[in-house]
Amino acid sequence: MADIPLITVSIKKPEQIVFDGQAHTVSSVSEKGKFDVLPFHANFISLIREAITIRQPNKEPLIIPITTGIMKVHSNTIKIILGIETQAAEVIAAASSEKQTSNTAGQTK
């Protein structure tokens, strides 16, 4: 039987580590709806809300209720920061959106 790929996950609040380990998938909700992150997913950053679902090897899914957070996916690693102020999260999302817009501004159809 082939090994199933895993992704490294770190979830932190300012005062504590909420989760640090490996997962098959991580799911959450952004302004565009529910989404899943699988191993070797494309890099991205997103504001998340409602909950984080972590599917770990040989365990029941772990569901962590949240208000808001920032998820960064890079190099087969997910880093999530919780306990941030909504306004700060909006500033980061706007900066990310502006960068994406500037990257596509020079492209022609």
N, C-alpha and C. Protein backbone atom coordinates (compact mmCIF):
# COMPACT_ATOMS: atom_id res chain seq x y z
N MET A 1 0.84 -1.18 0.00
CA MET A 1 0.00 0.00 0.00
C MET A 1 0.89 1.25 0.00
N ALA A 2 0.58 2.17 -0.88
CA ALA A 2 1.39 3.39 -1.01
C ALA A 2 1.13 4.32 0.17
N ASP A 3 2.18 5.08 0.52
CA ASP A 3 2.02 6.08 1.56
C ASP A 3 1.15 7.21 1.05
N ILE A 4 0.22 7.67 1.89
CA ILE A 4 -0.63 8.80 1.54
C ILE A 4 0.10 10.08 1.93
N PRO A 5 0.23 11.04 1.01
CA PRO A 5 0.96 12.27 1.33
C PRO A 5 0.29 13.06 2.45
N LEU A 6 1.11 13.76 3.19
CA LEU A 6 0.63 14.58 4.30
C LEU A 6 1.10 16.02 4.11
N ILE A 7 0.43 16.92 4.81
CA ILE A 7 0.81 18.32 4.83
C ILE A 7 1.05 18.72 6.28
N THR A 8 2.04 19.56 6.53
CA THR A 8 2.36 20.02 7.88
C THR A 8 1.43 21.18 8.23
N VAL A 9 0.86 21.13 9.44
CA VAL A 9 -0.12 22.14 9.87
C VAL A 9 0.29 22.72 11.21
N SER A 10 0.25 24.05 11.28
CA SER A 10 0.53 24.76 12.53
C SER A 10 -0.57 25.81 12.73
N ILE A 11 -1.27 25.72 13.86
CA ILE A 11 -2.33 26.68 14.17
C ILE A 11 -1.98 27.31 15.51
N LYS A 12 -1.89 28.65 15.51
CA LYS A 12 -1.47 29.36 16.71
C LYS A 12 -2.40 30.52 17.03
N LYS A 13 -2.54 30.76 18.33
CA LYS A 13 -3.15 31.97 18.87
C LYS A 13 -1.99 32.74 19.50
N PRO A 14 -2.17 34.03 19.78
CA PRO A 14 -1.07 34.77 20.41
C PRO A 14 -0.56 34.12 21.70
N GLU A 15 -1.45 33.48 22.45
CA GLU A 15 -1.05 32.94 23.74
C GLU A 15 -0.82 31.43 23.77
N GLN A 16 -1.07 30.74 22.65
CA GLN A 16 -0.90 29.28 22.69
C GLN A 16 -0.81 28.66 21.30
N ILE A 17 -0.27 27.45 21.26
CA ILE A 17 -0.29 26.63 20.05
C ILE A 17 -1.55 25.78 20.12
N VAL A 18 -2.40 25.90 19.12
CA VAL A 18 -3.67 25.17 19.08
C VAL A 18 -3.48 23.79 18.49
N PHE A 19 -2.65 23.70 17.44
CA PHE A 19 -2.39 22.42 16.78
C PHE A 19 -1.04 22.51 16.08
N ASP A 20 -0.30 21.43 16.12
CA ASP A 20 0.98 21.35 15.42
C ASP A 20 1.18 19.89 15.03
N GLY A 21 1.04 19.58 13.74
CA GLY A 21 1.17 18.19 13.33
C GLY A 21 0.97 18.00 11.84
N GLN A 22 0.64 16.78 11.45
CA GLN A 22 0.46 16.38 10.06
C GLN A 22 -1.01 16.11 9.78
N ALA A 23 -1.41 16.32 8.52
CA ALA A 23 -2.80 16.07 8.13
C ALA A 23 -2.87 15.60 6.68
N HIS A 24 -3.97 14.89 6.38
CA HIS A 24 -4.26 14.52 4.99
C HIS A 24 -4.87 15.71 4.27
N THR A 25 -5.80 16.41 4.94
CA THR A 25 -6.44 17.59 4.39
C THR A 25 -6.79 18.55 5.52
N VAL A 26 -6.93 19.82 5.14
CA VAL A 26 -7.42 20.85 6.06
C VAL A 26 -8.51 21.61 5.31
N SER A 27 -9.64 21.82 5.96
CA SER A 27 -10.76 22.53 5.34
C SER A 27 -11.13 23.74 6.18
N SER A 28 -11.64 24.77 5.50
CA SER A 28 -12.12 25.96 6.21
C SER A 28 -13.08 26.70 5.30
N VAL A 29 -13.39 27.94 5.68
CA VAL A 29 -14.33 28.77 4.94
C VAL A 29 -13.69 30.14 4.72
N SER A 30 -13.76 30.63 3.49
CA SER A 30 -13.31 31.99 3.17
C SER A 30 -14.52 32.78 2.70
N GLU A 31 -14.31 34.01 2.27
CA GLU A 31 -15.42 34.81 1.78
C GLU A 31 -16.05 34.20 0.53
N LYS A 32 -15.33 33.34 -0.17
CA LYS A 32 -15.85 32.70 -1.38
C LYS A 32 -16.50 31.36 -1.11
N GLY A 33 -16.45 30.88 0.14
CA GLY A 33 -17.08 29.62 0.49
C GLY A 33 -16.11 28.61 1.09
N LYS A 34 -16.59 27.38 1.21
CA LYS A 34 -15.78 26.31 1.79
C LYS A 34 -14.68 25.88 0.82
N PHE A 35 -13.55 25.46 1.39
CA PHE A 35 -12.45 24.98 0.56
C PHE A 35 -11.63 23.96 1.32
N ASP A 36 -10.89 23.14 0.58
CA ASP A 36 -10.01 22.12 1.13
C ASP A 36 -8.58 22.39 0.67
N VAL A 37 -7.63 22.09 1.53
CA VAL A 37 -6.21 22.17 1.17
C VAL A 37 -5.64 20.75 1.29
N LEU A 38 -5.08 20.28 0.20
CA LEU A 38 -4.49 18.95 0.13
C LEU A 38 -2.97 19.07 0.11
N PRO A 39 -2.26 17.98 0.37
CA PRO A 39 -0.80 18.03 0.27
C PRO A 39 -0.36 18.55 -1.10
N PHE A 40 0.71 19.34 -1.11
CA PHE A 40 1.31 19.92 -2.31
C PHE A 40 0.36 20.88 -3.04
N HIS A 41 -0.53 21.51 -2.27
CA HIS A 41 -1.46 22.50 -2.80
C HIS A 41 -0.68 23.72 -3.28
N ALA A 42 -1.25 24.47 -4.20
CA ALA A 42 -0.65 25.73 -4.65
C ALA A 42 -0.56 26.70 -3.47
N ASN A 43 0.44 27.56 -3.50
CA ASN A 43 0.64 28.54 -2.44
C ASN A 43 -0.46 29.59 -2.48
N PHE A 44 -0.95 30.01 -1.31
CA PHE A 44 -1.92 31.09 -1.23
C PHE A 44 -2.02 31.58 0.21
N ILE A 45 -2.70 32.72 0.38
CA ILE A 45 -3.00 33.26 1.69
C ILE A 45 -4.47 33.67 1.66
N SER A 46 -5.19 33.43 2.78
CA SER A 46 -6.61 33.74 2.81
C SER A 46 -7.07 34.05 4.23
N LEU A 47 -8.06 34.90 4.32
CA LEU A 47 -8.78 35.06 5.58
C LEU A 47 -9.72 33.87 5.70
N ILE A 48 -9.83 33.33 6.89
CA ILE A 48 -10.74 32.20 7.10
C ILE A 48 -11.67 32.52 8.26
N ARG A 49 -12.77 31.77 8.34
CA ARG A 49 -13.76 31.99 9.40
C ARG A 49 -14.55 30.71 9.66
N GLU A 50 -15.35 30.75 10.69
CA GLU A 50 -16.27 29.68 11.09
C GLU A 50 -15.58 28.49 11.76
N ALA A 51 -14.78 27.74 11.00
CA ALA A 51 -14.14 26.55 11.58
C ALA A 51 -12.99 26.07 10.70
N ILE A 52 -12.13 25.28 11.33
CA ILE A 52 -11.05 24.58 10.63
C ILE A 52 -11.26 23.10 10.89
N THR A 53 -11.26 22.30 9.84
CA THR A 53 -11.38 20.85 9.98
C THR A 53 -10.07 20.22 9.54
N ILE A 54 -9.46 19.46 10.44
CA ILE A 54 -8.19 18.79 10.16
C ILE A 54 -8.44 17.29 10.11
N ARG A 55 -8.07 16.68 8.98
CA ARG A 55 -8.19 15.23 8.85
C ARG A 55 -6.80 14.63 8.98
N GLN A 56 -6.57 13.99 10.14
CA GLN A 56 -5.27 13.42 10.48
C GLN A 56 -5.24 11.93 10.18
N PRO A 57 -4.05 11.39 9.98
CA PRO A 57 -3.94 9.94 9.76
C PRO A 57 -4.49 9.16 10.97
N ASN A 58 -5.32 8.18 10.69
CA ASN A 58 -5.83 7.24 11.71
C ASN A 58 -6.55 7.90 12.88
N LYS A 59 -7.19 9.05 12.65
CA LYS A 59 -7.94 9.73 13.71
C LYS A 59 -9.22 10.30 13.13
N GLU A 60 -10.17 10.57 14.03
CA GLU A 60 -11.39 11.26 13.63
C GLU A 60 -11.03 12.70 13.25
N PRO A 61 -11.80 13.32 12.34
CA PRO A 61 -11.53 14.72 12.01
C PRO A 61 -11.59 15.61 13.26
N LEU A 62 -10.66 16.54 13.34
CA LEU A 62 -10.62 17.51 14.43
C LEU A 62 -11.24 18.80 13.91
N ILE A 63 -12.30 19.27 14.56
CA ILE A 63 -12.98 20.49 14.15
C ILE A 63 -12.70 21.56 15.20
N ILE A 64 -12.11 22.68 14.74
CA ILE A 64 -11.77 23.78 15.63
C ILE A 64 -12.63 24.98 15.25
N PRO A 65 -13.60 25.35 16.09
CA PRO A 65 -14.41 26.54 15.79
C PRO A 65 -13.55 27.81 15.92
N ILE A 66 -13.75 28.74 14.99
CA ILE A 66 -12.99 29.99 15.02
C ILE A 66 -13.91 31.16 14.68
N THR A 67 -13.44 32.36 14.94
CA THR A 67 -14.13 33.56 14.47
C THR A 67 -13.49 33.99 13.17
N THR A 68 -12.22 34.39 13.23
CA THR A 68 -11.46 34.73 12.03
C THR A 68 -10.03 34.27 12.20
N GLY A 69 -9.35 34.17 11.09
CA GLY A 69 -7.94 33.82 11.11
C GLY A 69 -7.32 34.07 9.76
N ILE A 70 -6.03 33.89 9.70
CA ILE A 70 -5.30 34.00 8.43
C ILE A 70 -4.63 32.66 8.17
N MET A 71 -4.86 32.12 6.98
CA MET A 71 -4.24 30.86 6.57
C MET A 71 -3.23 31.16 5.47
N LYS A 72 -2.02 30.66 5.66
CA LYS A 72 -0.98 30.76 4.64
C LYS A 72 -0.56 29.35 4.26
N VAL A 73 -0.62 29.04 2.97
CA VAL A 73 -0.18 27.75 2.47
C VAL A 73 1.05 28.00 1.60
N HIS A 74 2.15 27.34 1.98
CA HIS A 74 3.41 27.54 1.24
C HIS A 74 4.30 26.32 1.45
N SER A 75 4.81 25.78 0.37
CA SER A 75 5.76 24.67 0.41
C SER A 75 5.28 23.50 1.26
N ASN A 76 4.05 23.05 1.00
CA ASN A 76 3.44 21.91 1.69
C ASN A 76 3.32 22.12 3.21
N THR A 77 3.16 23.38 3.61
CA THR A 77 2.97 23.73 5.02
C THR A 77 1.80 24.71 5.12
N ILE A 78 0.93 24.48 6.09
CA ILE A 78 -0.16 25.40 6.38
C ILE A 78 0.13 26.05 7.71
N LYS A 79 0.13 27.39 7.72
CA LYS A 79 0.28 28.14 8.96
C LYS A 79 -0.98 28.98 9.13
N ILE A 80 -1.62 28.83 10.29
CA ILE A 80 -2.84 29.57 10.57
C ILE A 80 -2.64 30.37 11.86
N ILE A 81 -2.98 31.64 11.78
CA ILE A 81 -2.91 32.52 12.94
C ILE A 81 -4.33 32.90 13.31
N LEU A 82 -4.70 32.63 14.56
CA LEU A 82 -6.03 32.95 15.08
C LEU A 82 -5.92 34.06 16.13
N GLY A 83 -7.05 34.62 16.50
CA GLY A 83 -7.08 35.61 17.57
C GLY A 83 -6.61 36.97 17.12
N ILE A 84 -6.76 37.23 15.82
CA ILE A 84 -6.37 38.54 15.31
C ILE A 84 -7.61 39.42 15.21
N GLU A 85 -7.40 40.70 15.24
CA GLU A 85 -8.51 41.62 15.09
C GLU A 85 -9.00 41.58 13.64
N THR A 86 -10.30 41.69 13.44
CA THR A 86 -10.87 41.64 12.10
C THR A 86 -10.29 42.72 11.20
N GLN A 87 -10.09 43.92 11.74
CA GLN A 87 -9.57 45.01 10.94
C GLN A 87 -8.17 44.67 10.41
N ALA A 88 -7.32 44.10 11.24
CA ALA A 88 -5.98 43.71 10.80
C ALA A 88 -6.07 42.65 9.71
N ALA A 89 -6.98 41.72 9.85
CA ALA A 89 -7.16 40.67 8.85
C ALA A 89 -7.59 41.28 7.52
N GLU A 90 -8.48 42.28 7.57
CA GLU A 90 -8.93 42.93 6.34
C GLU A 90 -7.79 43.67 5.65
N VAL A 91 -6.91 44.29 6.41
CA VAL A 91 -5.76 44.99 5.83
C VAL A 91 -4.86 44.00 5.11
N ILE A 92 -4.60 42.86 5.71
CA ILE A 92 -3.76 41.84 5.08
C ILE A 92 -4.41 41.30 3.82
N ALA A 93 -5.72 41.06 3.87
CA ALA A 93 -6.43 40.56 2.70
C ALA A 93 -6.39 41.57 1.56
N ALA A 94 -6.55 42.86 1.89
CA ALA A 94 -6.50 43.90 0.87
C ALA A 94 -5.12 43.96 0.23
N ALA A 95 -4.08 43.85 1.03
CA ALA A 95 -2.72 43.87 0.50
C ALA A 95 -2.48 42.68 -0.42
N SER A 96 -2.99 41.52 -0.04
CA SER A 96 -2.84 40.32 -0.86
C SER A 96 -3.59 40.49 -2.18
N SER A 97 -4.79 41.06 -2.13
CA SER A 97 -5.60 41.29 -3.32
C SER A 97 -4.93 42.29 -4.25
N GLU A 98 -4.36 43.36 -3.68
CA GLU A 98 -3.66 44.36 -4.49
C GLU A 98 -2.46 43.74 -5.20
N LYS A 99 -1.73 42.88 -4.52
CA LYS A 99 -0.57 42.22 -5.13
C LYS A 99 -1.02 41.34 -6.28
N GLN A 100 -2.11 40.61 -6.08
CA GLN A 100 -2.61 39.72 -7.14
C GLN A 100 -3.07 40.55 -8.34
N THR A 101 -3.74 41.68 -8.09
CA THR A 101 -4.20 42.55 -9.16
C THR A 101 -3.02 43.12 -9.93
N SER A 102 -1.97 43.55 -9.22
CA SER A 102 -0.80 44.12 -9.90
C SER A 102 -0.05 43.05 -10.70
N ASN A 103 -0.10 41.80 -10.26
CA ASN A 103 0.55 40.72 -11.00
C ASN A 103 -0.16 40.41 -12.30
N THR A 104 -1.47 40.64 -12.34
CA THR A 104 -2.24 40.33 -13.56
C THR A 104 -2.47 41.55 -14.42
N ALA A 105 -2.13 42.75 -13.94
CA ALA A 105 -2.39 43.99 -14.68
C ALA A 105 -1.65 44.03 -16.02
N GLY A 106 -0.47 43.49 -16.08
CA GLY A 106 0.33 43.54 -17.30
C GLY A 106 0.02 42.43 -18.28
N GLN A 107 -0.85 41.52 -17.92
CA GLN A 107 -1.16 40.40 -18.80
C GLN A 107 -2.22 40.79 -19.81
N THR A 108 -2.13 40.27 -21.03
CA THR A 108 -3.12 40.54 -22.06
C THR A 108 -3.82 39.25 -22.42
N LYS A 109 -5.01 39.40 -22.94
CA LYS A 109 -5.80 38.22 -23.33
C LYS A 109 -5.56 37.84 -24.74
